[in-house]
Amino acid sequence: MEYYHDDGRLITLRQLQLPSGVHRTRVEDNIEEFVDMLLRSGLGSNAAVPFKEILQAAKKQNEKQDTADAPVIDDLAELFCSKTVAVCYKSAGLIAPSRDAAMFLPKHFSYDFDKFTDLQRGASLGPEIDISFEPKSMRKFTTTLLELTNPAQRKKKRAAELLQRAARRFLARAELRKRRLAGEASEAQDQVSDLIPKTSQKERCETLRKVSVFGAENPRPQLTTSSYAGV
């Protein structure tokens, strides 16, 4: 709901997978106890996203990561989404103690960055499952628009074709509604016109000619306007 209210429309879920030799319940218990400790201690309760820390992580992405065995003590006072996942995984031994949790950005839990994440104890993340907040009629359009704006996808031509097709369908539906409304109006007009005798152009001209001829059988009507009575 928070993502939705912040205009988030598409979230990708990857489920944690553990080998048969690792007791999943113990791993989950470790993570839950660690999260409980964070909540009880008031850690990570920052009201705003620590953008300074995120920017530092983004700047260091192209630098060679330190592979020393010395454990890194993570600052838990301020947390953001991907750092929170990283410290939880570290607490369960799924990320090496020497890794800096602040260096994990959301993208690092995607399929393309599995080598960077380097989960331990044989753990891995499952396939990417897209969760969309949009109705089905808009879901494909939204996904295509995201692909169009993402240069890494290399699907711009295909995405543009799908967007054009969606736009044509939208315009076609609008035109169909317009014609349908026009048809209903025309049908109503026809129903009214059925009550009025239909005449041809020649018959209407003949009627006008007859009523415009004045004589003994068809006297000219008296003018009712007094100012023109003497004309």
C-alpha atoms as a PDB file:
ATOM      1  CA  MET A   1       0.000   0.000   0.000  1.00  0.00           C
ATOM      2  CA  GLU A   2       2.889   2.379   0.736  1.00  0.00           C
ATOM      3  CA  TYR A   3       4.408   1.728  -2.677  1.00  0.00           C
ATOM      4  CA  TYR A   4       0.996   2.244  -4.303  1.00  0.00           C
ATOM      5  CA  HIS A   5       0.447   5.588  -2.562  1.00  0.00           C
ATOM      6  CA  ASP A   6       3.936   6.639  -3.694  1.00  0.00           C
ATOM      7  CA  ASP A   7       2.944   5.869  -7.299  1.00  0.00           C
ATOM      8  CA  GLY A   8       4.680   2.496  -7.294  1.00  0.00           C
ATOM      9  CA  ARG A   9       2.955   0.338  -9.897  1.00  0.00           C
ATOM     10  CA  LEU A  10       5.225  -2.640 -10.448  1.00  0.00           C
ATOM     11  CA  ILE A  11       7.192  -4.576  -7.820  1.00  0.00           C
ATOM     12  CA  THR A  12       9.348  -7.631  -8.465  1.00  0.00           C
ATOM     13  CA  LEU A  13       9.382 -10.426  -5.883  1.00  0.00           C
ATOM     14  CA  ARG A  14      12.116 -13.059  -5.532  1.00  0.00           C
ATOM     15  CA  GLN A  15      11.666 -15.764  -2.961  1.00  0.00           C
ATOM     16  CA  LEU A  16      14.587 -17.014  -0.898  1.00  0.00           C
ATOM     17  CA  GLN A  17      15.561 -20.573  -1.796  1.00  0.00           C
ATOM     18  CA  LEU A  18      17.686 -22.765   0.476  1.00  0.00           C
ATOM     19  CA  PRO A  19      19.320 -26.121  -0.231  1.00  0.00           C
ATOM     20  CA  SER A  20      18.057 -29.247   1.482  1.00  0.00           C
ATOM     21  CA  GLY A  21      21.028 -29.259   3.885  1.00  0.00           C
ATOM     22  CA  VAL A  22      20.040 -25.898   5.404  1.00  0.00           C
ATOM     23  CA  HIS A  23      17.246 -25.880   7.961  1.00  0.00           C
ATOM     24  CA  ARG A  24      14.872 -23.207   6.661  1.00  0.00           C
ATOM     25  CA  THR A  25      13.037 -22.769   9.955  1.00  0.00           C
ATOM     26  CA  ARG A  26      16.276 -21.873  11.755  1.00  0.00           C
ATOM     27  CA  VAL A  27      17.163 -19.315   9.089  1.00  0.00           C
ATOM     28  CA  GLU A  28      13.719 -17.742   9.333  1.00  0.00           C
ATOM     29  CA  ASP A  29      13.903 -17.710  13.145  1.00  0.00           C
ATOM     30  CA  ASN A  30      17.273 -15.918  13.019  1.00  0.00           C
ATOM     31  CA  ILE A  31      15.888 -13.273  10.674  1.00  0.00           C
ATOM     32  CA  GLU A  32      12.738 -12.795  12.758  1.00  0.00           C
ATOM     33  CA  GLU A  33      14.746 -12.428  15.981  1.00  0.00           C
ATOM     34  CA  PHE A  34      17.017  -9.880  14.301  1.00  0.00           C
ATOM     35  CA  VAL A  35      14.038  -7.872  13.024  1.00  0.00           C
ATOM     36  CA  ASP A  36      12.463  -8.027  16.472  1.00  0.00           C
ATOM     37  CA  MET A  37      15.686  -6.644  17.961  1.00  0.00           C
ATOM     38  CA  LEU A  38      15.639  -3.773  15.447  1.00  0.00           C
ATOM     39  CA  LEU A  39      12.049  -2.902  16.328  1.00  0.00           C
ATOM     40  CA  ARG A  40      12.520  -3.138  20.100  1.00  0.00           C
ATOM     41  CA  SER A  41      15.700  -1.038  19.937  1.00  0.00           C
ATOM     42  CA  GLY A  42      14.179   1.595  17.690  1.00  0.00           C
ATOM     43  CA  LEU A  43      16.898   1.044  15.090  1.00  0.00           C
ATOM     44  CA  GLY A  44      16.172   1.895  11.490  1.00  0.00           C
ATOM     45  CA  SER A  45      13.224   4.043  12.489  1.00  0.00           C
ATOM     46  CA  ASN A  46      14.479   6.992  10.439  1.00  0.00           C
ATOM     47  CA  ALA A  47      11.568   9.120   9.249  1.00  0.00           C
ATOM     48  CA  ALA A  48      13.212   9.829   5.892  1.00  0.00           C
ATOM     49  CA  VAL A  49      15.279   7.811   3.438  1.00  0.00           C
ATOM     50  CA  PRO A  50      19.024   8.404   4.123  1.00  0.00           C
ATOM     51  CA  PHE A  51      19.830   9.650   0.644  1.00  0.00           C
ATOM     52  CA  LYS A  52      23.398  10.577   1.616  1.00  0.00           C
ATOM     53  CA  GLU A  53      24.177   6.956   2.415  1.00  0.00           C
ATOM     54  CA  ILE A  54      22.451   5.778  -0.769  1.00  0.00           C
ATOM     55  CA  LEU A  55      24.425   8.246  -2.888  1.00  0.00           C
ATOM     56  CA  GLN A  56      27.659   7.020  -1.333  1.00  0.00           C
ATOM     57  CA  ALA A  57      26.705   3.461  -2.246  1.00  0.00           C
ATOM     58  CA  ALA A  58      25.858   4.506  -5.802  1.00  0.00           C
ATOM     59  CA  LYS A  59      29.213   6.287  -6.205  1.00  0.00           C
ATOM     60  CA  LYS A  60      31.157   3.225  -5.038  1.00  0.00           C
ATOM     61  CA  GLN A  61      29.430   0.770  -7.357  1.00  0.00           C
ATOM     62  CA  ASN A  62      32.233   0.834  -9.918  1.00  0.00           C
ATOM     63  CA  GLU A  63      34.959   0.543  -7.305  1.00  0.00           C
ATOM     64  CA  LYS A  64      36.520  -2.812  -6.520  1.00  0.00           C
ATOM     65  CA  GLN A  65      34.832  -4.273  -3.471  1.00  0.00           C
ATOM     66  CA  ASP A  66      36.996  -5.072  -0.476  1.00  0.00           C
ATOM     67  CA  THR A  67      37.366  -8.846  -0.150  1.00  0.00           C
ATOM     68  CA  ALA A  68      39.047  -8.774   3.273  1.00  0.00           C
ATOM     69  CA  ASP A  69      37.828 -11.273   5.827  1.00  0.00           C
ATOM     70  CA  ALA A  70      37.449  -8.654   8.537  1.00  0.00           C
ATOM     71  CA  PRO A  71      33.766  -8.325   9.473  1.00  0.00           C
ATOM     72  CA  VAL A  72      32.012  -5.050   8.744  1.00  0.00           C
ATOM     73  CA  ILE A  73      29.977  -3.561  11.588  1.00  0.00           C
ATOM     74  CA  ASP A  74      26.910  -2.086   9.904  1.00  0.00           C
ATOM     75  CA  ASP A  75      25.360   1.161  11.097  1.00  0.00           C
ATOM     76  CA  LEU A  76      21.816   0.175  12.043  1.00  0.00           C
ATOM     77  CA  ALA A  77      20.689   3.632  13.133  1.00  0.00           C
ATOM     78  CA  GLU A  78      19.485   4.459   9.628  1.00  0.00           C
ATOM     79  CA  LEU A  79      18.236   1.824   7.227  1.00  0.00           C
ATOM     80  CA  PHE A  80      16.735   1.800   3.765  1.00  0.00           C
ATOM     81  CA  CYS A  81      14.944  -1.022   1.958  1.00  0.00           C
ATOM     82  CA  SER A  82      17.812  -2.957   0.368  1.00  0.00           C
ATOM     83  CA  LYS A  83      20.196  -2.328   3.283  1.00  0.00           C
ATOM     84  CA  THR A  84      17.558  -3.761   5.620  1.00  0.00           C
ATOM     85  CA  VAL A  85      17.361  -6.950   3.551  1.00  0.00           C
ATOM     86  CA  ALA A  86      21.175  -7.159   3.512  1.00  0.00           C
ATOM     87  CA  VAL A  87      21.581  -6.845   7.310  1.00  0.00           C
ATOM     88  CA  CYS A  88      18.804  -9.408   7.848  1.00  0.00           C
ATOM     89  CA  TYR A  89      20.529 -11.843   5.495  1.00  0.00           C
ATOM     90  CA  LYS A  90      23.856 -11.184   7.245  1.00  0.00           C
ATOM     91  CA  SER A  91      22.252 -11.999  10.600  1.00  0.00           C
ATOM     92  CA  ALA A  92      21.274 -15.420   9.199  1.00  0.00           C
ATOM     93  CA  GLY A  93      24.675 -16.051   7.602  1.00  0.00           C
ATOM     94  CA  LEU A  94      23.356 -15.686   4.055  1.00  0.00           C
ATOM     95  CA  ILE A  95      25.664 -12.732   3.267  1.00  0.00           C
ATOM     96  CA  ALA A  96      29.322 -12.784   4.258  1.00  0.00           C
ATOM     97  CA  PRO A  97      30.185 -10.773   7.413  1.00  0.00           C
ATOM     98  CA  SER A  98      32.859  -8.895   5.450  1.00  0.00           C
ATOM     99  CA  ARG A  99      30.254  -7.316   3.148  1.00  0.00           C
ATOM    100  CA  ASP A 100      29.054  -3.765   3.813  1.00  0.00           C
ATOM    101  CA  ALA A 101      25.245  -3.879   3.903  1.00  0.00           C
ATOM    102  CA  ALA A 102      25.064  -0.195   2.953  1.00  0.00           C
ATOM    103  CA  MET A 103      26.518  -1.081  -0.460  1.00  0.00           C
ATOM    104  CA  PHE A 104      23.448  -3.099  -1.400  1.00  0.00           C
ATOM    105  CA  LEU A 105      21.014  -1.187  -3.587  1.00  0.00           C
ATOM    106  CA  PRO A 106      17.583  -2.508  -4.669  1.00  0.00           C
ATOM    107  CA  LYS A 107      18.934  -3.555  -8.063  1.00  0.00           C
ATOM    108  CA  HIS A 108      21.397  -5.941  -6.414  1.00  0.00           C
ATOM    109  CA  PHE A 109      18.584  -8.332  -5.542  1.00  0.00           C
ATOM    110  CA  SER A 110      17.595  -8.662  -9.200  1.00  0.00           C
ATOM    111  CA  TYR A 111      18.596 -11.578 -11.415  1.00  0.00           C
ATOM    112  CA  ASP A 112      21.286  -9.554 -13.220  1.00  0.00           C
ATOM    113  CA  PHE A 113      23.232  -8.942  -9.985  1.00  0.00           C
ATOM    114  CA  ASP A 114      23.230 -12.412  -8.424  1.00  0.00           C
ATOM    115  CA  LYS A 115      27.045 -12.453  -8.582  1.00  0.00           C
ATOM    116  CA  PHE A 116      27.231  -9.203  -6.657  1.00  0.00           C
ATOM    117  CA  THR A 117      24.842 -10.444  -3.970  1.00  0.00           C
ATOM    118  CA  ASP A 118      26.843 -13.685  -3.620  1.00  0.00           C
ATOM    119  CA  LEU A 119      24.525 -15.449  -1.163  1.00  0.00           C
ATOM    120  CA  GLN A 120      26.223 -17.934   1.146  1.00  0.00           C
ATOM    121  CA  ARG A 121      25.347 -21.439   2.413  1.00  0.00           C
ATOM    122  CA  GLY A 122      24.016 -22.444  -1.004  1.00  0.00           C
ATOM    123  CA  ALA A 123      21.163 -19.943  -0.797  1.00  0.00           C
ATOM    124  CA  SER A 124      19.755 -18.323  -3.908  1.00  0.00           C
ATOM    125  CA  LEU A 125      16.881 -16.115  -4.996  1.00  0.00           C
ATOM    126  CA  GLY A 126      14.090 -17.556  -7.105  1.00  0.00           C
ATOM    127  CA  PRO A 127      12.817 -16.243 -10.449  1.00  0.00           C
ATOM    128  CA  GLU A 128      11.523 -12.703 -10.681  1.00  0.00           C
ATOM    129  CA  ILE A 129       7.761 -12.485 -10.103  1.00  0.00           C
ATOM    130  CA  ASP A 130       6.150  -9.213 -11.154  1.00  0.00           C
ATOM    131  CA  ILE A 131       3.459  -7.866  -8.834  1.00  0.00           C
ATOM    132  CA  SER A 132       1.393  -5.147 -10.486  1.00  0.00           C
ATOM    133  CA  PHE A 133      -1.066  -2.764  -8.846  1.00  0.00           C
ATOM    134  CA  GLU A 134      -2.621  -1.946 -12.209  1.00  0.00           C
ATOM    135  CA  PRO A 135      -5.757  -3.618 -13.613  1.00  0.00           C
ATOM    136  CA  LYS A 136      -5.145  -6.221 -16.298  1.00  0.00           C
ATOM    137  CA  SER A 137      -6.175  -3.788 -19.032  1.00  0.00           C
ATOM    138  CA  MET A 138      -3.320  -1.443 -18.028  1.00  0.00           C
ATOM    139  CA  ARG A 139      -0.712  -3.946 -16.823  1.00  0.00           C
ATOM    140  CA  LYS A 140       0.804  -4.741 -20.220  1.00  0.00           C
ATOM    141  CA  PHE A 141       0.861  -1.060 -21.148  1.00  0.00           C
ATOM    142  CA  THR A 142       2.648  -0.143 -17.895  1.00  0.00           C
ATOM    143  CA  THR A 143       5.241  -2.892 -18.280  1.00  0.00           C
ATOM    144  CA  THR A 144       5.892  -1.864 -21.876  1.00  0.00           C
ATOM    145  CA  LEU A 145       6.302   1.765 -20.863  1.00  0.00           C
ATOM    146  CA  LEU A 146       8.877   0.745 -18.241  1.00  0.00           C
ATOM    147  CA  GLU A 147      10.780  -1.259 -20.853  1.00  0.00           C
ATOM    148  CA  LEU A 148      10.753   1.737 -23.188  1.00  0.00           C
ATOM    149  CA  THR A 149      12.335   3.970 -20.531  1.00  0.00           C
ATOM    150  CA  ASN A 150      14.923   1.391 -19.488  1.00  0.00           C
ATOM    151  CA  PRO A 151      17.911   1.401 -21.885  1.00  0.00           C
ATOM    152  CA  ALA A 152      19.260  -1.816 -20.382  1.00  0.00           C
ATOM    153  CA  GLN A 153      16.314  -3.790 -21.726  1.00  0.00           C
ATOM    154  CA  ARG A 154      17.252  -3.109 -25.375  1.00  0.00           C
ATOM    155  CA  LYS A 155      13.629  -3.571 -26.367  1.00  0.00           C
ATOM    156  CA  LYS A 156      12.815  -0.013 -27.366  1.00  0.00           C
ATOM    157  CA  LYS A 157      11.583  -0.845 -30.868  1.00  0.00           C
ATOM    158  CA  ARG A 158       9.318  -3.629 -29.636  1.00  0.00           C
ATOM    159  CA  ALA A 159       8.080  -1.475 -26.751  1.00  0.00           C
ATOM    160  CA  ALA A 160       7.325   1.419 -29.086  1.00  0.00           C
ATOM    161  CA  GLU A 161       5.316  -0.868 -31.368  1.00  0.00           C
ATOM    162  CA  LEU A 162       3.273  -2.146 -28.419  1.00  0.00           C
ATOM    163  CA  LEU A 163       2.631   1.395 -27.211  1.00  0.00           C
ATOM    164  CA  GLN A 164       1.506   2.459 -30.688  1.00  0.00           C
ATOM    165  CA  ARG A 165      -0.779  -0.558 -30.858  1.00  0.00           C
ATOM    166  CA  ALA A 166      -2.255   0.324 -27.459  1.00  0.00           C
ATOM    167  CA  ALA A 167      -2.764   3.924 -28.578  1.00  0.00           C
ATOM    168  CA  ARG A 168      -4.533   2.765 -31.745  1.00  0.00           C
ATOM    169  CA  ARG A 169      -6.805   0.509 -29.707  1.00  0.00           C
ATOM    170  CA  PHE A 170      -7.630   3.412 -27.401  1.00  0.00           C
ATOM    171  CA  LEU A 171      -8.445   5.692 -30.336  1.00  0.00           C
ATOM    172  CA  ALA A 172     -10.490   2.938 -31.986  1.00  0.00           C
ATOM    173  CA  ARG A 173     -12.543   2.454 -28.828  1.00  0.00           C
ATOM    174  CA  ALA A 174     -13.077   6.222 -28.584  1.00  0.00           C
ATOM    175  CA  GLU A 175     -14.215   6.345 -32.221  1.00  0.00           C
ATOM    176  CA  LEU A 176     -16.507   3.373 -31.649  1.00  0.00           C
ATOM    177  CA  ARG A 177     -18.127   5.084 -28.674  1.00  0.00           C
ATOM    178  CA  LYS A 178     -18.509   8.256 -30.735  1.00  0.00           C
ATOM    179  CA  ARG A 179     -20.186   6.397 -33.595  1.00  0.00           C
ATOM    180  CA  ARG A 180     -22.368   4.443 -31.199  1.00  0.00           C
ATOM    181  CA  LEU A 181     -23.595   7.660 -29.581  1.00  0.00           C
ATOM    182  CA  ALA A 182     -24.113   9.209 -33.016  1.00  0.00           C
ATOM    183  CA  GLY A 183     -26.053   6.113 -34.074  1.00  0.00           C
ATOM    184  CA  GLU A 184     -28.300   6.346 -31.029  1.00  0.00           C
ATOM    185  CA  ALA A 185     -28.934  10.019 -31.741  1.00  0.00           C
ATOM    186  CA  SER A 186     -29.661   9.242 -35.390  1.00  0.00           C
ATOM    187  CA  GLU A 187     -32.043   6.458 -34.376  1.00  0.00           C
ATOM    188  CA  ALA A 188     -33.905   8.845 -32.082  1.00  0.00           C
ATOM    189  CA  GLN A 189     -34.086  11.388 -34.864  1.00  0.00           C
ATOM    190  CA  ASP A 190     -35.448   8.748 -37.235  1.00  0.00           C
ATOM    191  CA  GLN A 191     -38.129   7.834 -34.717  1.00  0.00           C
ATOM    192  CA  VAL A 192     -39.231  11.480 -34.580  1.00  0.00           C
ATOM    193  CA  SER A 193     -39.062  11.902 -38.334  1.00  0.00           C
ATOM    194  CA  ASP A 194     -41.277   8.847 -38.792  1.00  0.00           C
ATOM    195  CA  LEU A 195     -44.090  10.861 -37.247  1.00  0.00           C
ATOM    196  CA  ILE A 196     -43.669  13.578 -39.906  1.00  0.00           C
ATOM    197  CA  PRO A 197     -44.672  12.739 -43.488  1.00  0.00           C
ATOM    198  CA  LYS A 198     -41.619  12.422 -45.713  1.00  0.00           C
ATOM    199  CA  THR A 199     -41.720  14.426 -48.946  1.00  0.00           C
ATOM    200  CA  SER A 200     -39.342  14.774 -51.833  1.00  0.00           C
ATOM    201  CA  GLN A 201     -37.614  17.997 -52.825  1.00  0.00           C
ATOM    202  CA  LYS A 202     -39.954  18.355 -55.827  1.00  0.00           C
ATOM    203  CA  GLU A 203     -43.029  17.941 -53.627  1.00  0.00           C
ATOM    204  CA  ARG A 204     -41.765  20.531 -51.152  1.00  0.00           C
ATOM    205  CA  CYS A 205     -41.121  23.023 -53.963  1.00  0.00           C
ATOM    206  CA  GLU A 206     -44.597  22.458 -55.364  1.00  0.00           C
ATOM    207  CA  THR A 207     -46.135  23.014 -51.916  1.00  0.00           C
ATOM    208  CA  LEU A 208     -44.226  26.264 -51.475  1.00  0.00           C
ATOM    209  CA  ARG A 209     -45.288  27.426 -54.950  1.00  0.00           C
ATOM    210  CA  LYS A 210     -48.948  26.757 -54.194  1.00  0.00           C
ATOM    211  CA  VAL A 211     -48.984  28.571 -50.866  1.00  0.00           C
ATOM    212  CA  SER A 212     -47.196  31.568 -52.386  1.00  0.00           C
ATOM    213  CA  VAL A 213     -49.885  32.142 -55.060  1.00  0.00           C
ATOM    214  CA  PHE A 214     -52.728  34.384 -53.922  1.00  0.00           C
ATOM    215  CA  GLY A 215     -56.060  34.723 -55.668  1.00  0.00           C
ATOM    216  CA  ALA A 216     -59.809  34.259 -55.220  1.00  0.00           C
ATOM    217  CA  GLU A 217     -59.385  30.742 -53.955  1.00  0.00           C
ATOM    218  CA  ASN A 218     -56.313  31.632 -51.862  1.00  0.00           C
ATOM    219  CA  PRO A 219     -56.659  35.234 -50.597  1.00  0.00           C
ATOM    220  CA  ARG A 220     -53.647  37.046 -49.192  1.00  0.00           C
ATOM    221  CA  PRO A 221     -53.729  37.016 -45.362  1.00  0.00           C
ATOM    222  CA  GLN A 222     -54.337  40.313 -43.587  1.00  0.00           C
ATOM    223  CA  LEU A 223     -51.308  41.946 -41.980  1.00  0.00           C
ATOM    224  CA  THR A 224     -51.629  41.983 -38.236  1.00  0.00           C
ATOM    225  CA  THR A 225     -48.971  44.652 -37.615  1.00  0.00           C
ATOM    226  CA  SER A 226     -50.673  48.041 -37.522  1.00  0.00           C
ATOM    227  CA  SER A 227     -47.631  49.958 -38.742  1.00  0.00           C
ATOM    228  CA  TYR A 228     -47.703  48.074 -42.019  1.00  0.00           C
ATOM    229  CA  ALA A 229     -51.497  48.034 -42.470  1.00  0.00           C
ATOM    230  CA  GLY A 230     -51.400  50.685 -45.193  1.00  0.00           C
ATOM    231  CA  VAL A 231     -48.764  49.053 -47.342  1.00  0.00           C
END
